[in-house]
Amino acid sequence: MRPARTPRTWRSGTEPATARSDLKLRFLLSVLFTPLFALATIGFAVWAADPPASGVPGQKTLVAFALGCFALSLFALVDLWVVVRRRRTER
């Protein structure tokens, strides 16, 4: 017997067909976390430029943290741009 195949866009029937995310919440989170991650990026970069003499944490670890925070701040900034653009088009 051949197993049943479900359609590629399977829905349970209870969710709306054109669901959208909560733009107010995304805007609030982006506004909150963009500067937070940017400050963390600067802090880790400054700390990596002058690592402690004991070597704990190491310079490579601090650079990795700075790059991670930079990626998160870039993601939050792009999300903020998308949310602002969508809010303008919905008005």
PDB file of N, CA and C in Angstrom:
ATOM      1  N   MET A   1       0.838  -1.169   0.000  1.00  0.00           N
ATOM      2  CA  MET A   1       0.000   0.000   0.000  1.00  0.00           C
ATOM      3  C   MET A   1       0.891   1.243   0.000  1.00  0.00           C
ATOM      4  N   ARG A   2       0.516   2.229  -0.764  1.00  0.00           N
ATOM      5  CA  ARG A   2       1.267   3.467  -0.870  1.00  0.00           C
ATOM      6  C   ARG A   2       0.861   4.422   0.257  1.00  0.00           C
ATOM      7  N   PRO A   3       1.841   5.054   0.936  1.00  0.00           N
ATOM      8  CA  PRO A   3       1.488   5.989   2.013  1.00  0.00           C
ATOM      9  C   PRO A   3       0.801   7.223   1.447  1.00  0.00           C
ATOM     10  N   ALA A   4      -0.056   7.800   2.250  1.00  0.00           N
ATOM     11  CA  ALA A   4      -0.780   9.003   1.848  1.00  0.00           C
ATOM     12  C   ALA A   4       0.183  10.177   1.766  1.00  0.00           C
ATOM     13  N   ARG A   5      -0.037  11.010   0.790  1.00  0.00           N
ATOM     14  CA  ARG A   5       0.804  12.202   0.624  1.00  0.00           C
ATOM     15  C   ARG A   5       0.003  13.432   1.025  1.00  0.00           C
ATOM     16  N   THR A   6       0.651  14.309   1.747  1.00  0.00           N
ATOM     17  CA  THR A   6      -0.008  15.552   2.136  1.00  0.00           C
ATOM     18  C   THR A   6       0.430  16.650   1.180  1.00  0.00           C
ATOM     19  N   PRO A   7      -0.387  17.650   0.987  1.00  0.00           N
ATOM     20  CA  PRO A   7       0.014  18.744   0.100  1.00  0.00           C
ATOM     21  C   PRO A   7       1.196  19.509   0.677  1.00  0.00           C
ATOM     22  N   ARG A   8       1.898  20.187  -0.191  1.00  0.00           N
ATOM     23  CA  ARG A   8       3.089  20.931   0.229  1.00  0.00           C
ATOM     24  C   ARG A   8       2.741  22.034   1.232  1.00  0.00           C
ATOM     25  N   THR A   9       1.620  22.666   1.098  1.00  0.00           N
ATOM     26  CA  THR A   9       1.197  23.730   2.015  1.00  0.00           C
ATOM     27  C   THR A   9       0.064  23.218   2.894  1.00  0.00           C
ATOM     28  N   TRP A  10       0.346  22.230   3.675  1.00  0.00           N
ATOM     29  CA  TRP A  10      -0.654  21.599   4.520  1.00  0.00           C
ATOM     30  C   TRP A  10      -1.060  22.530   5.647  1.00  0.00           C
ATOM     31  N   ARG A  11      -2.343  22.631   5.896  1.00  0.00           N
ATOM     32  CA  ARG A  11      -2.876  23.464   6.969  1.00  0.00           C
ATOM     33  C   ARG A  11      -3.846  22.630   7.785  1.00  0.00           C
ATOM     34  N   SER A  12      -3.924  22.929   9.069  1.00  0.00           N
ATOM     35  CA  SER A  12      -4.850  22.193   9.924  1.00  0.00           C
ATOM     36  C   SER A  12      -6.274  22.721   9.797  1.00  0.00           C
ATOM     37  N   GLY A  13      -6.419  23.942   9.285  1.00  0.00           N
ATOM     38  CA  GLY A  13      -7.743  24.511   9.099  1.00  0.00           C
ATOM     39  C   GLY A  13      -8.128  25.507  10.167  1.00  0.00           C
ATOM     40  N   THR A  14      -7.329  25.645  11.218  1.00  0.00           N
ATOM     41  CA  THR A  14      -7.685  26.574  12.282  1.00  0.00           C
ATOM     42  C   THR A  14      -6.937  27.895  12.178  1.00  0.00           C
ATOM     43  N   GLU A  15      -5.812  27.908  11.465  1.00  0.00           N
ATOM     44  CA  GLU A  15      -5.052  29.150  11.366  1.00  0.00           C
ATOM     45  C   GLU A  15      -5.519  29.962  10.164  1.00  0.00           C
ATOM     46  N   PRO A  16      -5.335  31.278  10.222  1.00  0.00           N
ATOM     47  CA  PRO A  16      -5.747  32.095   9.085  1.00  0.00           C
ATOM     48  C   PRO A  16      -4.841  31.835   7.881  1.00  0.00           C
ATOM     49  N   ALA A  17      -5.392  31.990   6.716  1.00  0.00           N
ATOM     50  CA  ALA A  17      -4.635  31.718   5.493  1.00  0.00           C
ATOM     51  C   ALA A  17      -3.555  32.769   5.252  1.00  0.00           C
ATOM     52  N   THR A  18      -3.775  33.986   5.704  1.00  0.00           N
ATOM     53  CA  THR A  18      -2.798  35.058   5.486  1.00  0.00           C
ATOM     54  C   THR A  18      -2.299  35.586   6.821  1.00  0.00           C
ATOM     55  N   ALA A  19      -1.769  34.726   7.652  1.00  0.00           N
ATOM     56  CA  ALA A  19      -1.297  35.129   8.983  1.00  0.00           C
ATOM     57  C   ALA A  19      -0.076  36.031   8.853  1.00  0.00           C
ATOM     58  N   ARG A  20      -0.018  37.050   9.684  1.00  0.00           N
ATOM     59  CA  ARG A  20       1.110  37.981   9.722  1.00  0.00           C
ATOM     60  C   ARG A  20       1.583  38.092  11.158  1.00  0.00           C
ATOM     61  N   SER A  21       2.840  38.422  11.312  1.00  0.00           N
ATOM     62  CA  SER A  21       3.380  38.558  12.655  1.00  0.00           C
ATOM     63  C   SER A  21       2.945  39.892  13.278  1.00  0.00           C
ATOM     64  N   ASP A  22       3.085  39.973  14.579  1.00  0.00           N
ATOM     65  CA  ASP A  22       2.718  41.181  15.316  1.00  0.00           C
ATOM     66  C   ASP A  22       3.806  42.233  15.092  1.00  0.00           C
ATOM     67  N   LEU A  23       3.504  43.228  14.282  1.00  0.00           N
ATOM     68  CA  LEU A  23       4.514  44.220  13.917  1.00  0.00           C
ATOM     69  C   LEU A  23       4.874  45.132  15.080  1.00  0.00           C
ATOM     70  N   LYS A  24       3.925  45.397  15.979  1.00  0.00           N
ATOM     71  CA  LYS A  24       4.233  46.251  17.127  1.00  0.00           C
ATOM     72  C   LYS A  24       5.265  45.587  18.035  1.00  0.00           C
ATOM     73  N   LEU A  25       5.102  44.290  18.275  1.00  0.00           N
ATOM     74  CA  LEU A  25       6.044  43.568  19.119  1.00  0.00           C
ATOM     75  C   LEU A  25       7.405  43.455  18.443  1.00  0.00           C
ATOM     76  N   ARG A  26       7.418  43.161  17.158  1.00  0.00           N
ATOM     77  CA  ARG A  26       8.693  43.090  16.439  1.00  0.00           C
ATOM     78  C   ARG A  26       9.401  44.435  16.439  1.00  0.00           C
ATOM     79  N   PHE A  27       8.635  45.519  16.291  1.00  0.00           N
ATOM     80  CA  PHE A  27       9.222  46.863  16.326  1.00  0.00           C
ATOM     81  C   PHE A  27       9.833  47.139  17.701  1.00  0.00           C
ATOM     82  N   LEU A  28       9.093  46.817  18.751  1.00  0.00           N
ATOM     83  CA  LEU A  28       9.587  47.043  20.109  1.00  0.00           C
ATOM     84  C   LEU A  28      10.860  46.241  20.378  1.00  0.00           C
ATOM     85  N   LEU A  29      10.866  44.971  19.997  1.00  0.00           N
ATOM     86  CA  LEU A  29      12.042  44.135  20.234  1.00  0.00           C
ATOM     87  C   LEU A  29      13.237  44.604  19.415  1.00  0.00           C
ATOM     88  N   SER A  30      13.000  45.019  18.183  1.00  0.00           N
ATOM     89  CA  SER A  30      14.101  45.507  17.358  1.00  0.00           C
ATOM     90  C   SER A  30      14.675  46.805  17.898  1.00  0.00           C
ATOM     91  N   VAL A  31      13.801  47.707  18.331  1.00  0.00           N
ATOM     92  CA  VAL A  31      14.275  48.971  18.898  1.00  0.00           C
ATOM     93  C   VAL A  31      15.051  48.728  20.193  1.00  0.00           C
ATOM     94  N   LEU A  32      14.654  47.737  20.949  1.00  0.00           N
ATOM     95  CA  LEU A  32      15.327  47.425  22.206  1.00  0.00           C
ATOM     96  C   LEU A  32      16.671  46.732  21.979  1.00  0.00           C
ATOM     97  N   PHE A  33      16.712  45.751  21.083  1.00  0.00           N
ATOM     98  CA  PHE A  33      17.897  44.915  20.967  1.00  0.00           C
ATOM     99  C   PHE A  33      18.935  45.412  19.969  1.00  0.00           C
ATOM    100  N   THR A  34      18.583  46.281  19.027  1.00  0.00           N
ATOM    101  CA  THR A  34      19.589  46.798  18.103  1.00  0.00           C
ATOM    102  C   THR A  34      20.684  47.568  18.835  1.00  0.00           C
ATOM    103  N   PRO A  35      20.346  48.551  19.674  1.00  0.00           N
ATOM    104  CA  PRO A  35      21.434  49.243  20.387  1.00  0.00           C
ATOM    105  C   PRO A  35      22.112  48.364  21.436  1.00  0.00           C
ATOM    106  N   LEU A  36      21.373  47.440  22.034  1.00  0.00           N
ATOM    107  CA  LEU A  36      21.973  46.549  23.028  1.00  0.00           C
ATOM    108  C   LEU A  36      23.058  45.689  22.399  1.00  0.00           C
ATOM    109  N   PHE A  37      22.765  45.073  21.265  1.00  0.00           N
ATOM    110  CA  PHE A  37      23.765  44.250  20.598  1.00  0.00           C
ATOM    111  C   PHE A  37      24.890  45.094  20.014  1.00  0.00           C
ATOM    112  N   ALA A  38      24.585  46.317  19.578  1.00  0.00           N
ATOM    113  CA  ALA A  38      25.634  47.197  19.072  1.00  0.00           C
ATOM    114  C   ALA A  38      26.611  47.579  20.193  1.00  0.00           C
ATOM    115  N   LEU A  39      26.078  47.885  21.364  1.00  0.00           N
ATOM    116  CA  LEU A  39      26.955  48.199  22.501  1.00  0.00           C
ATOM    117  C   LEU A  39      27.765  46.985  22.938  1.00  0.00           C
ATOM    118  N   ALA A  40      27.147  45.808  22.897  1.00  0.00           N
ATOM    119  CA  ALA A  40      27.883  44.594  23.251  1.00  0.00           C
ATOM    120  C   ALA A  40      28.998  44.327  22.236  1.00  0.00           C
ATOM    121  N   THR A  41      28.738  44.610  20.968  1.00  0.00           N
ATOM    122  CA  THR A  41      29.768  44.452  19.935  1.00  0.00           C
ATOM    123  C   THR A  41      30.947  45.362  20.219  1.00  0.00           C
ATOM    124  N   ILE A  42      30.660  46.610  20.521  1.00  0.00           N
ATOM    125  CA  ILE A  42      31.732  47.569  20.825  1.00  0.00           C
ATOM    126  C   ILE A  42      32.490  47.145  22.078  1.00  0.00           C
ATOM    127  N   GLY A  43      31.762  46.725  23.101  1.00  0.00           N
ATOM    128  CA  GLY A  43      32.409  46.293  24.345  1.00  0.00           C
ATOM    129  C   GLY A  43      33.324  45.105  24.147  1.00  0.00           C
ATOM    130  N   PHE A  44      32.854  44.080  23.431  1.00  0.00           N
ATOM    131  CA  PHE A  44      33.697  42.913  23.189  1.00  0.00           C
ATOM    132  C   PHE A  44      34.875  43.238  22.289  1.00  0.00           C
ATOM    133  N   ALA A  45      34.679  44.147  21.319  1.00  0.00           N
ATOM    134  CA  ALA A  45      35.783  44.524  20.438  1.00  0.00           C
ATOM    135  C   ALA A  45      36.865  45.280  21.205  1.00  0.00           C
ATOM    136  N   VAL A  46      36.446  46.182  22.087  1.00  0.00           N
ATOM    137  CA  VAL A  46      37.424  46.920  22.902  1.00  0.00           C
ATOM    138  C   VAL A  46      38.144  45.967  23.853  1.00  0.00           C
ATOM    139  N   TRP A  47      37.390  45.041  24.436  1.00  0.00           N
ATOM    140  CA  TRP A  47      37.984  44.062  25.353  1.00  0.00           C
ATOM    141  C   TRP A  47      38.948  43.142  24.606  1.00  0.00           C
ATOM    142  N   ALA A  48      38.625  42.783  23.363  1.00  0.00           N
ATOM    143  CA  ALA A  48      39.505  41.914  22.577  1.00  0.00           C
ATOM    144  C   ALA A  48      40.764  42.654  22.148  1.00  0.00           C
ATOM    145  N   ALA A  49      40.678  43.979  21.984  1.00  0.00           N
ATOM    146  CA  ALA A  49      41.853  44.755  21.597  1.00  0.00           C
ATOM    147  C   ALA A  49      42.885  44.794  22.714  1.00  0.00           C
ATOM    148  N   ASP A  50      42.441  44.733  23.947  1.00  0.00           N
ATOM    149  CA  ASP A  50      43.346  44.731  25.103  1.00  0.00           C
ATOM    150  C   ASP A  50      42.955  43.566  26.020  1.00  0.00           C
ATOM    151  N   PRO A  51      43.282  42.321  25.622  1.00  0.00           N
ATOM    152  CA  PRO A  51      42.845  41.168  26.421  1.00  0.00           C
ATOM    153  C   PRO A  51      43.575  41.119  27.763  1.00  0.00           C
ATOM    154  N   PRO A  52      42.986  40.459  28.746  1.00  0.00           N
ATOM    155  CA  PRO A  52      43.637  40.355  30.050  1.00  0.00           C
ATOM    156  C   PRO A  52      44.929  39.543  29.960  1.00  0.00           C
ATOM    157  N   ALA A  53      45.844  39.831  30.854  1.00  0.00           N
ATOM    158  CA  ALA A  53      47.148  39.164  30.847  1.00  0.00           C
ATOM    159  C   ALA A  53      47.025  37.670  31.141  1.00  0.00           C
ATOM    160  N   SER A  54      46.025  37.293  31.918  1.00  0.00           N
ATOM    161  CA  SER A  54      45.880  35.877  32.275  1.00  0.00           C
ATOM    162  C   SER A  54      45.406  35.041  31.093  1.00  0.00           C
ATOM    163  N   GLY A  55      44.859  35.682  30.070  1.00  0.00           N
ATOM    164  CA  GLY A  55      44.419  34.964  28.886  1.00  0.00           C
ATOM    165  C   GLY A  55      43.059  34.321  29.014  1.00  0.00           C
ATOM    166  N   VAL A  56      42.341  34.636  30.098  1.00  0.00           N
ATOM    167  CA  VAL A  56      41.004  34.068  30.277  1.00  0.00           C
ATOM    168  C   VAL A  56      40.024  35.208  30.362  1.00  0.00           C
ATOM    169  N   PRO A  57      39.119  35.430  29.509  1.00  0.00           N
ATOM    170  CA  PRO A  57      38.915  34.707  28.253  1.00  0.00           C
ATOM    171  C   PRO A  57      39.951  35.111  27.216  1.00  0.00           C
ATOM    172  N   GLY A  58      40.186  34.213  26.276  1.00  0.00           N
ATOM    173  CA  GLY A  58      41.185  34.462  25.246  1.00  0.00           C
ATOM    174  C   GLY A  58      40.717  35.482  24.230  1.00  0.00           C
ATOM    175  N   GLN A  59      41.683  35.993  23.480  1.00  0.00           N
ATOM    176  CA  GLN A  59      41.359  37.010  22.480  1.00  0.00           C
ATOM    177  C   GLN A  59      40.466  36.441  21.384  1.00  0.00           C
ATOM    178  N   LYS A  60      40.687  35.194  20.999  1.00  0.00           N
ATOM    179  CA  LYS A  60      39.839  34.583  19.963  1.00  0.00           C
ATOM    180  C   LYS A  60      38.395  34.452  20.442  1.00  0.00           C
ATOM    181  N   THR A  61      38.220  34.142  21.707  1.00  0.00           N
ATOM    182  CA  THR A  61      36.871  34.037  22.267  1.00  0.00           C
ATOM    183  C   THR A  61      36.175  35.386  22.253  1.00  0.00           C
ATOM    184  N   LEU A  62      36.890  36.423  22.633  1.00  0.00           N
ATOM    185  CA  LEU A  62      36.309  37.760  22.645  1.00  0.00           C
ATOM    186  C   LEU A  62      35.970  38.242  21.239  1.00  0.00           C
ATOM    187  N   VAL A  63      36.816  37.921  20.277  1.00  0.00           N
ATOM    188  CA  VAL A  63      36.529  38.291  18.888  1.00  0.00           C
ATOM    189  C   VAL A  63      35.294  37.536  18.393  1.00  0.00           C
ATOM    190  N   ALA A  64      35.171  36.268  18.774  1.00  0.00           N
ATOM    191  CA  ALA A  64      33.990  35.485  18.380  1.00  0.00           C
ATOM    192  C   ALA A  64      32.722  36.081  18.992  1.00  0.00           C
ATOM    193  N   PHE A  65      32.786  36.492  20.247  1.00  0.00           N
ATOM    194  CA  PHE A  65      31.633  37.138  20.874  1.00  0.00           C
ATOM    195  C   PHE A  65      31.293  38.457  20.180  1.00  0.00           C
ATOM    196  N   ALA A  66      32.311  39.232  19.809  1.00  0.00           N
ATOM    197  CA  ALA A  66      32.078  40.493  19.109  1.00  0.00           C
ATOM    198  C   ALA A  66      31.431  40.245  17.748  1.00  0.00           C
ATOM    199  N   LEU A  67      31.900  39.239  17.032  1.00  0.00           N
ATOM    200  CA  LEU A  67      31.305  38.923  15.733  1.00  0.00           C
ATOM    201  C   LEU A  67      29.872  38.411  15.879  1.00  0.00           C
ATOM    202  N   GLY A  68      29.633  37.616  16.910  1.00  0.00           N
ATOM    203  CA  GLY A  68      28.275  37.128  17.159  1.00  0.00           C
ATOM    204  C   GLY A  68      27.316  38.263  17.483  1.00  0.00           C
ATOM    205  N   CYS A  69      27.756  39.175  18.330  1.00  0.00           N
ATOM    206  CA  CYS A  69      26.912  40.326  18.665  1.00  0.00           C
ATOM    207  C   CYS A  69      26.706  41.237  17.462  1.00  0.00           C
ATOM    208  N   PHE A  70      27.740  41.354  16.612  1.00  0.00           N
ATOM    209  CA  PHE A  70      27.590  42.151  15.398  1.00  0.00           C
ATOM    210  C   PHE A  70      26.543  41.530  14.480  1.00  0.00           C
ATOM    211  N   ALA A  71      26.570  40.205  14.330  1.00  0.00           N
ATOM    212  CA  ALA A  71      25.589  39.530  13.482  1.00  0.00           C
ATOM    213  C   ALA A  71      24.177  39.716  14.041  1.00  0.00           C
ATOM    214  N   LEU A  72      24.026  39.624  15.352  1.00  0.00           N
ATOM    215  CA  LEU A  72      22.710  39.816  15.965  1.00  0.00           C
ATOM    216  C   LEU A  72      22.230  41.257  15.828  1.00  0.00           C
ATOM    217  N   SER A  73      23.130  42.219  15.969  1.00  0.00           N
ATOM    218  CA  SER A  73      22.721  43.612  15.808  1.00  0.00           C
ATOM    219  C   SER A  73      22.361  43.905  14.352  1.00  0.00           C
ATOM    220  N   LEU A  74      23.067  43.302  13.417  1.00  0.00           N
ATOM    221  CA  LEU A  74      22.727  43.470  12.009  1.00  0.00           C
ATOM    222  C   LEU A  74      21.367  42.848  11.699  1.00  0.00           C
ATOM    223  N   PHE A  75      21.104  41.672  12.260  1.00  0.00           N
ATOM    224  CA  PHE A  75      19.815  41.011  12.078  1.00  0.00           C
ATOM    225  C   PHE A  75      18.688  41.864  12.660  1.00  0.00           C
ATOM    226  N   ALA A  76      18.895  42.419  13.857  1.00  0.00           N
ATOM    227  CA  ALA A  76      17.866  43.256  14.482  1.00  0.00           C
ATOM    228  C   ALA A  76      17.646  44.541  13.685  1.00  0.00           C
ATOM    229  N   LEU A  77      18.711  45.095  13.135  1.00  0.00           N
ATOM    230  CA  LEU A  77      18.581  46.314  12.331  1.00  0.00           C
ATOM    231  C   LEU A  77      17.817  46.048  11.037  1.00  0.00           C
ATOM    232  N   VAL A  78      18.102  44.937  10.391  1.00  0.00           N
ATOM    233  CA  VAL A  78      17.372  44.580   9.166  1.00  0.00           C
ATOM    234  C   VAL A  78      15.905  44.315   9.490  1.00  0.00           C
ATOM    235  N   ASP A  79      15.636  43.638  10.601  1.00  0.00           N
ATOM    236  CA  ASP A  79      14.256  43.384  10.997  1.00  0.00           C
ATOM    237  C   ASP A  79      13.534  44.698  11.297  1.00  0.00           C
ATOM    238  N   LEU A  80      14.215  45.634  11.926  1.00  0.00           N
ATOM    239  CA  LEU A  80      13.625  46.946  12.186  1.00  0.00           C
ATOM    240  C   LEU A  80      13.284  47.647  10.883  1.00  0.00           C
ATOM    241  N   TRP A  81      14.159  47.582   9.900  1.00  0.00           N
ATOM    242  CA  TRP A  81      13.902  48.192   8.604  1.00  0.00           C
ATOM    243  C   TRP A  81      12.687  47.556   7.934  1.00  0.00           C
ATOM    244  N   VAL A  82      12.588  46.218   7.994  1.00  0.00           N
ATOM    245  CA  VAL A  82      11.455  45.512   7.397  1.00  0.00           C
ATOM    246  C   VAL A  82      10.152  45.904   8.084  1.00  0.00           C
ATOM    247  N   VAL A  83      10.164  45.973   9.409  1.00  0.00           N
ATOM    248  CA  VAL A  83       8.947  46.311  10.150  1.00  0.00           C
ATOM    249  C   VAL A  83       8.506  47.737   9.842  1.00  0.00           C
ATOM    250  N   VAL A  84       9.436  48.668   9.812  1.00  0.00           N
ATOM    251  CA  VAL A  84       9.084  50.061   9.509  1.00  0.00           C
ATOM    252  C   VAL A  84       8.524  50.166   8.093  1.00  0.00           C
ATOM    253  N   ARG A  85       9.111  49.463   7.143  1.00  0.00           N
ATOM    254  CA  ARG A  85       8.622  49.491   5.760  1.00  0.00           C
ATOM    255  C   ARG A  85       7.222  48.903   5.671  1.00  0.00           C
ATOM    256  N   ARG A  86       6.982  47.787   6.354  1.00  0.00           N
ATOM    257  CA  ARG A  86       5.647  47.170   6.326  1.00  0.00           C
ATOM    258  C   ARG A  86       4.601  48.057   6.994  1.00  0.00           C
ATOM    259  N   ARG A  87       4.967  48.698   8.104  1.00  0.00           N
ATOM    260  CA  ARG A  87       4.006  49.567   8.791  1.00  0.00           C
ATOM    261  C   ARG A  87       3.635  50.762   7.938  1.00  0.00           C
ATOM    262  N   ARG A  88       4.581  51.273   7.171  1.00  0.00           N
ATOM    263  CA  ARG A  88       4.285  52.403   6.286  1.00  0.00           C
ATOM    264  C   ARG A  88       3.371  52.000   5.143  1.00  0.00           C
ATOM    265  N   THR A  89       3.553  50.796   4.612  1.00  0.00           N
ATOM    266  CA  THR A  89       2.725  50.364   3.490  1.00  0.00           C
ATOM    267  C   THR A  89       1.327  49.960   3.930  1.00  0.00           C
ATOM    268  N   GLU A  90       1.137  49.589   5.190  1.00  0.00           N
ATOM    269  CA  GLU A  90      -0.169  49.179   5.678  1.00  0.00           C
ATOM    270  C   GLU A  90      -1.082  50.360   5.985  1.00  0.00           C
ATOM    271  N   ARG A  91      -0.537  51.543   6.117  1.00  0.00           N
ATOM    272  CA  ARG A  91      -1.343  52.722   6.464  1.00  0.00           C
ATOM    273  C   ARG A  91      -2.078  53.249   5.290  1.00  0.00           C
TER     274      ARG A  91
END
